[in-house]
């Protein structure tokens, strides 16, 4: 996981602001989390869809905390 160390902070911030929040009204990831909490995710695509949107946030938090070391 050393690739996280070698990437600039700006890359993760840009990924979070673009892919992590897209589409923007309301943020798709937030909408999917609300649907998950209400038990509305039924199809396999509903479970896969949040993954690409959550990945930038996970990477940003890993870079911030350094927990992979």
PDB file of N, CA and C in Angstrom:
ATOM      1  N   UNK A   1       0.804  -1.203   0.000  1.00  0.00           N
ATOM      2  CA  UNK A   1       0.000   0.000   0.000  1.00  0.00           C
ATOM      3  C   UNK A   1       0.846   1.265   0.000  1.00  0.00           C
ATOM      4  N   UNK A   2       2.076   1.160  -0.375  1.00  0.00           N
ATOM      5  CA  UNK A   2       2.936   2.335  -0.409  1.00  0.00           C
ATOM      6  C   UNK A   2       2.549   3.296  -1.523  1.00  0.00           C
ATOM      7  N   UNK A   3       1.735   2.830  -2.470  1.00  0.00           N
ATOM      8  CA  UNK A   3       1.316   3.739  -3.539  1.00  0.00           C
ATOM      9  C   UNK A   3       0.536   4.915  -2.986  1.00  0.00           C
ATOM     10  N   UNK A   4      -0.136   4.732  -1.848  1.00  0.00           N
ATOM     11  CA  UNK A   4      -0.881   5.831  -1.228  1.00  0.00           C
ATOM     12  C   UNK A   4       0.091   6.913  -0.763  1.00  0.00           C
ATOM     13  N   UNK A   5       1.236   6.510  -0.219  1.00  0.00           N
ATOM     14  CA  UNK A   5       2.246   7.475   0.228  1.00  0.00           C
ATOM     15  C   UNK A   5       2.788   8.319  -0.913  1.00  0.00           C
ATOM     16  N   UNK A   6       2.906   7.720  -2.087  1.00  0.00           N
ATOM     17  CA  UNK A   6       3.536   8.398  -3.209  1.00  0.00           C
ATOM     18  C   UNK A   6       2.584   9.304  -3.992  1.00  0.00           C
ATOM     19  N   UNK A   7       1.319   9.242  -3.685  1.00  0.00           N
ATOM     20  CA  UNK A   7       0.342  10.076  -4.389  1.00  0.00           C
ATOM     21  C   UNK A   7       0.139  11.388  -3.633  1.00  0.00           C
ATOM     22  N   UNK A   8      -0.052  12.471  -4.378  1.00  0.00           N
ATOM     23  CA  UNK A   8      -0.273  13.764  -3.710  1.00  0.00           C
ATOM     24  C   UNK A   8      -1.675  13.845  -3.094  1.00  0.00           C
ATOM     25  N   UNK A   9      -1.779  14.653  -2.050  1.00  0.00           N
ATOM     26  CA  UNK A   9      -3.064  14.873  -1.386  1.00  0.00           C
ATOM     27  C   UNK A   9      -4.111  15.392  -2.364  1.00  0.00           C
ATOM     28  N   UNK A  10      -3.689  16.252  -3.280  1.00  0.00           N
ATOM     29  CA  UNK A  10      -4.635  16.866  -4.213  1.00  0.00           C
ATOM     30  C   UNK A  10      -5.354  15.808  -5.053  1.00  0.00           C
ATOM     31  N   UNK A  11      -4.677  14.741  -5.400  1.00  0.00           N
ATOM     32  CA  UNK A  11      -5.306  13.681  -6.186  1.00  0.00           C
ATOM     33  C   UNK A  11      -6.496  13.089  -5.442  1.00  0.00           C
ATOM     34  N   UNK A  12      -6.317  12.786  -4.173  1.00  0.00           N
ATOM     35  CA  UNK A  12      -7.400  12.193  -3.392  1.00  0.00           C
ATOM     36  C   UNK A  12      -8.534  13.181  -3.162  1.00  0.00           C
ATOM     37  N   UNK A  13      -8.199  14.429  -2.950  1.00  0.00           N
ATOM     38  CA  UNK A  13      -9.233  15.447  -2.748  1.00  0.00           C
ATOM     39  C   UNK A  13     -10.048  15.633  -4.026  1.00  0.00           C
ATOM     40  N   UNK A  14      -9.375  15.697  -5.166  1.00  0.00           N
ATOM     41  CA  UNK A  14     -10.079  15.846  -6.446  1.00  0.00           C
ATOM     42  C   UNK A  14     -10.962  14.633  -6.719  1.00  0.00           C
ATOM     43  N   UNK A  15     -10.451  13.429  -6.450  1.00  0.00           N
ATOM     44  CA  UNK A  15     -11.261  12.225  -6.639  1.00  0.00           C
ATOM     45  C   UNK A  15     -12.501  12.238  -5.746  1.00  0.00           C
ATOM     46  N   UNK A  16     -12.340  12.681  -4.511  1.00  0.00           N
ATOM     47  CA  UNK A  16     -13.486  12.742  -3.598  1.00  0.00           C
ATOM     48  C   UNK A  16     -14.523  13.749  -4.071  1.00  0.00           C
ATOM     49  N   UNK A  17     -14.066  14.884  -4.572  1.00  0.00           N
ATOM     50  CA  UNK A  17     -14.994  15.924  -5.006  1.00  0.00           C
ATOM     51  C   UNK A  17     -15.668  15.607  -6.333  1.00  0.00           C
ATOM     52  N   UNK A  18     -15.050  14.766  -7.151  1.00  0.00           N
ATOM     53  CA  UNK A  18     -15.648  14.427  -8.446  1.00  0.00           C
ATOM     54  C   UNK A  18     -16.377  13.089  -8.366  1.00  0.00           C
ATOM     55  N   UNK A  19     -15.637  12.005  -8.336  1.00  0.00           N
ATOM     56  CA  UNK A  19     -16.249  10.677  -8.323  1.00  0.00           C
ATOM     57  C   UNK A  19     -16.951  10.395  -6.994  1.00  0.00           C
ATOM     58  N   UNK A  20     -16.384  10.856  -5.911  1.00  0.00           N
ATOM     59  CA  UNK A  20     -16.953  10.568  -4.601  1.00  0.00           C
ATOM     60  C   UNK A  20     -18.300  11.207  -4.354  1.00  0.00           C
ATOM     61  N   UNK A  21     -18.574  12.329  -4.983  1.00  0.00           N
ATOM     62  CA  UNK A  21     -19.854  13.024  -4.782  1.00  0.00           C
ATOM     63  C   UNK A  21     -20.788  12.969  -5.982  1.00  0.00           C
ATOM     64  N   UNK A  22     -20.314  12.518  -7.129  1.00  0.00           N
ATOM     65  CA  UNK A  22     -21.127  12.534  -8.352  1.00  0.00           C
ATOM     66  C   UNK A  22     -22.280  11.550  -8.256  1.00  0.00           C
ATOM     67  N   UNK A  23     -23.433  11.807  -8.816  1.00  0.00           N
ATOM     68  CA  UNK A  23     -23.986  13.093  -9.194  1.00  0.00           C
ATOM     69  C   UNK A  23     -24.218  13.947  -7.959  1.00  0.00           C
ATOM     70  N   UNK A  24     -24.235  15.234  -8.146  1.00  0.00           N
ATOM     71  CA  UNK A  24     -24.074  16.170  -7.032  1.00  0.00           C
ATOM     72  C   UNK A  24     -25.337  16.573  -6.292  1.00  0.00           C
ATOM     73  N   UNK A  25     -26.506  16.339  -6.841  1.00  0.00           N
ATOM     74  CA  UNK A  25     -27.707  16.824  -6.181  1.00  0.00           C
ATOM     75  C   UNK A  25     -28.744  15.726  -6.065  1.00  0.00           C
ATOM     76  N   UNK A  26     -28.914  15.031  -4.998  1.00  0.00           N
ATOM     77  CA  UNK A  26     -28.066  14.959  -3.808  1.00  0.00           C
ATOM     78  C   UNK A  26     -26.841  14.110  -4.103  1.00  0.00           C
ATOM     79  N   UNK A  27     -25.803  14.193  -3.266  1.00  0.00           N
ATOM     80  CA  UNK A  27     -24.637  13.339  -3.495  1.00  0.00           C
ATOM     81  C   UNK A  27     -25.051  11.864  -3.526  1.00  0.00           C
ATOM     82  N   UNK A  28     -24.633  11.182  -4.572  1.00  0.00           N
ATOM     83  CA  UNK A  28     -25.075   9.812  -4.817  1.00  0.00           C
ATOM     84  C   UNK A  28     -24.683   8.872  -3.680  1.00  0.00           C
ATOM     85  N   UNK A  29     -23.484   9.035  -3.159  1.00  0.00           N
ATOM     86  CA  UNK A  29     -23.043   8.162  -2.078  1.00  0.00           C
ATOM     87  C   UNK A  29     -23.937   8.332  -0.849  1.00  0.00           C
ATOM     88  N   UNK A  30     -24.275   9.555  -0.527  1.00  0.00           N
ATOM     89  CA  UNK A  30     -25.160   9.808   0.615  1.00  0.00           C
ATOM     90  C   UNK A  30     -26.526   9.174   0.373  1.00  0.00           C
ATOM     91  N   UNK A  31     -27.039   9.331  -0.831  1.00  0.00           N
ATOM     92  CA  UNK A  31     -28.331   8.757  -1.187  1.00  0.00           C
ATOM     93  C   UNK A  31     -28.300   7.230  -1.057  1.00  0.00           C
ATOM     94  N   UNK A  32     -27.199   6.614  -1.489  1.00  0.00           N
ATOM     95  CA  UNK A  32     -27.080   5.161  -1.384  1.00  0.00           C
ATOM     96  C   UNK A  32     -26.963   4.712   0.074  1.00  0.00           C
ATOM     97  N   UNK A  33     -26.281   5.486   0.910  1.00  0.00           N
ATOM     98  CA  UNK A  33     -26.178   5.138   2.324  1.00  0.00           C
ATOM     99  C   UNK A  33     -27.530   5.222   3.022  1.00  0.00           C
ATOM    100  N   UNK A  34     -28.333   6.209   2.647  1.00  0.00           N
ATOM    101  CA  UNK A  34     -29.687   6.333   3.209  1.00  0.00           C
ATOM    102  C   UNK A  34     -30.532   5.140   2.768  1.00  0.00           C
ATOM    103  N   UNK A  35     -30.424   4.776   1.489  1.00  0.00           N
ATOM    104  CA  UNK A  35     -31.172   3.623   0.983  1.00  0.00           C
ATOM    105  C   UNK A  35     -30.730   2.338   1.687  1.00  0.00           C
ATOM    106  N   UNK A  36     -29.437   2.209   1.951  1.00  0.00           N
ATOM    107  CA  UNK A  36     -28.923   1.038   2.654  1.00  0.00           C
ATOM    108  C   UNK A  36     -29.478   0.962   4.070  1.00  0.00           C
ATOM    109  N   UNK A  37     -29.517   2.108   4.745  1.00  0.00           N
ATOM    110  CA  UNK A  37     -30.032   2.116   6.120  1.00  0.00           C
ATOM    111  C   UNK A  37     -31.518   1.793   6.180  1.00  0.00           C
ATOM    112  N   UNK A  38     -32.244   2.082   5.109  1.00  0.00           N
ATOM    113  CA  UNK A  38     -33.674   1.788   5.061  1.00  0.00           C
ATOM    114  C   UNK A  38     -33.970   0.403   4.491  1.00  0.00           C
ATOM    115  N   UNK A  39     -32.927  -0.320   4.064  1.00  0.00           N
ATOM    116  CA  UNK A  39     -33.118  -1.653   3.508  1.00  0.00           C
ATOM    117  C   UNK A  39     -33.696  -1.660   2.116  1.00  0.00           C
ATOM    118  N   UNK A  40     -33.444  -0.605   1.345  1.00  0.00           N
ATOM    119  CA  UNK A  40     -34.016  -0.490   0.011  1.00  0.00           C
ATOM    120  C   UNK A  40     -33.097  -1.028  -1.088  1.00  0.00           C
ATOM    121  N   UNK A  41     -31.908  -1.473  -0.753  1.00  0.00           N
ATOM    122  CA  UNK A  41     -30.989  -1.996  -1.759  1.00  0.00           C
ATOM    123  C   UNK A  41     -31.278  -3.479  -1.951  1.00  0.00           C
ATOM    124  N   UNK A  42     -31.803  -3.833  -3.101  1.00  0.00           N
ATOM    125  CA  UNK A  42     -32.240  -5.205  -3.353  1.00  0.00           C
ATOM    126  C   UNK A  42     -31.405  -5.902  -4.430  1.00  0.00           C
ATOM    127  N   UNK A  43     -31.104  -5.212  -5.521  1.00  0.00           N
ATOM    128  CA  UNK A  43     -30.412  -5.823  -6.653  1.00  0.00           C
ATOM    129  C   UNK A  43     -28.900  -5.833  -6.421  1.00  0.00           C
ATOM    130  N   UNK A  44     -28.186  -6.751  -7.063  1.00  0.00           N
ATOM    131  CA  UNK A  44     -26.721  -6.755  -6.925  1.00  0.00           C
ATOM    132  C   UNK A  44     -26.066  -5.448  -7.378  1.00  0.00           C
ATOM    133  N   UNK A  45     -26.599  -4.810  -8.397  1.00  0.00           N
ATOM    134  CA  UNK A  45     -26.021  -3.542  -8.863  1.00  0.00           C
ATOM    135  C   UNK A  45     -26.176  -2.465  -7.788  1.00  0.00           C
ATOM    136  N   UNK A  46     -27.225  -2.544  -6.995  1.00  0.00           N
ATOM    137  CA  UNK A  46     -27.418  -1.586  -5.907  1.00  0.00           C
ATOM    138  C   UNK A  46     -26.323  -1.716  -4.859  1.00  0.00           C
ATOM    139  N   UNK A  47     -25.805  -2.926  -4.673  1.00  0.00           N
ATOM    140  CA  UNK A  47     -24.734  -3.144  -3.704  1.00  0.00           C
ATOM    141  C   UNK A  47     -23.381  -2.778  -4.286  1.00  0.00           C
ATOM    142  N   UNK A  48     -23.202  -2.935  -5.592  1.00  0.00           N
ATOM    143  CA  UNK A  48     -21.925  -2.601  -6.221  1.00  0.00           C
ATOM    144  C   UNK A  48     -21.783  -1.105  -6.452  1.00  0.00           C
ATOM    145  N   UNK A  49     -22.846  -0.427  -6.745  1.00  0.00           N
ATOM    146  CA  UNK A  49     -22.803   0.988  -7.136  1.00  0.00           C
ATOM    147  C   UNK A  49     -22.117   1.894  -6.114  1.00  0.00           C
ATOM    148  N   UNK A  50     -22.307   1.742  -4.819  1.00  0.00           N
ATOM    149  CA  UNK A  50     -21.613   2.632  -3.874  1.00  0.00           C
ATOM    150  C   UNK A  50     -20.095   2.429  -3.832  1.00  0.00           C
ATOM    151  N   UNK A  51     -19.615   1.279  -4.262  1.00  0.00           N
ATOM    152  CA  UNK A  51     -18.171   0.991  -4.171  1.00  0.00           C
ATOM    153  C   UNK A  51     -17.303   2.001  -4.913  1.00  0.00           C
ATOM    154  N   UNK A  52     -17.566   2.303  -6.190  1.00  0.00           N
ATOM    155  CA  UNK A  52     -16.717   3.293  -6.858  1.00  0.00           C
ATOM    156  C   UNK A  52     -16.835   4.693  -6.255  1.00  0.00           C
ATOM    157  N   UNK A  53     -17.980   5.004  -5.681  1.00  0.00           N
ATOM    158  CA  UNK A  53     -18.163   6.323  -5.078  1.00  0.00           C
ATOM    159  C   UNK A  53     -17.504   6.418  -3.706  1.00  0.00           C
ATOM    160  N   UNK A  54     -17.396   5.305  -3.007  1.00  0.00           N
ATOM    161  CA  UNK A  54     -16.801   5.302  -1.669  1.00  0.00           C
ATOM    162  C   UNK A  54     -15.288   5.129  -1.691  1.00  0.00           C
ATOM    163  N   UNK A  55     -14.749   4.555  -2.757  1.00  0.00           N
ATOM    164  CA  UNK A  55     -13.311   4.276  -2.824  1.00  0.00           C
ATOM    165  C   UNK A  55     -12.445   5.516  -2.618  1.00  0.00           C
ATOM    166  N   UNK A  56     -12.722   6.658  -3.268  1.00  0.00           N
ATOM    167  CA  UNK A  56     -11.879   7.835  -3.012  1.00  0.00           C
ATOM    168  C   UNK A  56     -11.895   8.278  -1.557  1.00  0.00           C
ATOM    169  N   UNK A  57     -13.034   8.167  -0.893  1.00  0.00           N
ATOM    170  CA  UNK A  57     -13.129   8.560   0.513  1.00  0.00           C
ATOM    171  C   UNK A  57     -12.324   7.620   1.400  1.00  0.00           C
ATOM    172  N   UNK A  58     -12.358   6.337   1.088  1.00  0.00           N
ATOM    173  CA  UNK A  58     -11.579   5.359   1.855  1.00  0.00           C
ATOM    174  C   UNK A  58     -10.091   5.621   1.671  1.00  0.00           C
ATOM    175  N   UNK A  59      -9.671   5.860   0.421  1.00  0.00           N
ATOM    176  CA  UNK A  59      -8.254   6.139   0.161  1.00  0.00           C
ATOM    177  C   UNK A  59      -7.796   7.423   0.855  1.00  0.00           C
ATOM    178  N   UNK A  60      -8.640   8.446   0.841  1.00  0.00           N
ATOM    179  CA  UNK A  60      -8.301   9.693   1.513  1.00  0.00           C
ATOM    180  C   UNK A  60      -8.155   9.473   3.018  1.00  0.00           C
ATOM    181  N   UNK A  61      -9.048   8.706   3.598  1.00  0.00           N
ATOM    182  CA  UNK A  61      -8.951   8.461   5.039  1.00  0.00           C
ATOM    183  C   UNK A  61      -7.736   7.598   5.373  1.00  0.00           C
ATOM    184  N   UNK A  62      -7.379   6.660   4.496  1.00  0.00           N
ATOM    185  CA  UNK A  62      -6.172   5.864   4.713  1.00  0.00           C
ATOM    186  C   UNK A  62      -4.927   6.733   4.653  1.00  0.00           C
ATOM    187  N   UNK A  63      -4.890   7.647   3.697  1.00  0.00           N
ATOM    188  CA  UNK A  63      -3.734   8.546   3.595  1.00  0.00           C
ATOM    189  C   UNK A  63      -3.657   9.449   4.825  1.00  0.00           C
ATOM    190  N   UNK A  64      -4.783   9.911   5.284  1.00  0.00           N
ATOM    191  CA  UNK A  64      -4.816  10.823   6.427  1.00  0.00           C
ATOM    192  C   UNK A  64      -4.356  10.132   7.711  1.00  0.00           C
ATOM    193  N   UNK A  65      -4.858   8.920   7.939  1.00  0.00           N
ATOM    194  CA  UNK A  65      -4.568   8.238   9.193  1.00  0.00           C
ATOM    195  C   UNK A  65      -3.290   7.415   9.153  1.00  0.00           C
ATOM    196  N   UNK A  66      -2.898   6.962   7.967  1.00  0.00           N
ATOM    197  CA  UNK A  66      -1.720   6.127   7.852  1.00  0.00           C
ATOM    198  C   UNK A  66      -1.894   4.763   8.486  1.00  0.00           C
ATOM    199  N   UNK A  67      -3.133   4.237   8.479  1.00  0.00           N
ATOM    200  CA  UNK A  67      -3.417   2.965   9.151  1.00  0.00           C
ATOM    201  C   UNK A  67      -2.932   1.755   8.381  1.00  0.00           C
ATOM    202  N   UNK A  68      -2.518   1.888   7.132  1.00  0.00           N
ATOM    203  CA  UNK A  68      -2.070   0.742   6.365  1.00  0.00           C
ATOM    204  C   UNK A  68      -0.648   0.334   6.726  1.00  0.00           C
ATOM    205  N   UNK A  69       0.061   1.136   7.468  1.00  0.00           N
ATOM    206  CA  UNK A  69       1.455   0.838   7.803  1.00  0.00           C
ATOM    207  C   UNK A  69       1.569  -0.211   8.838  1.00  0.00           C
TER     208      UNK A  69
END
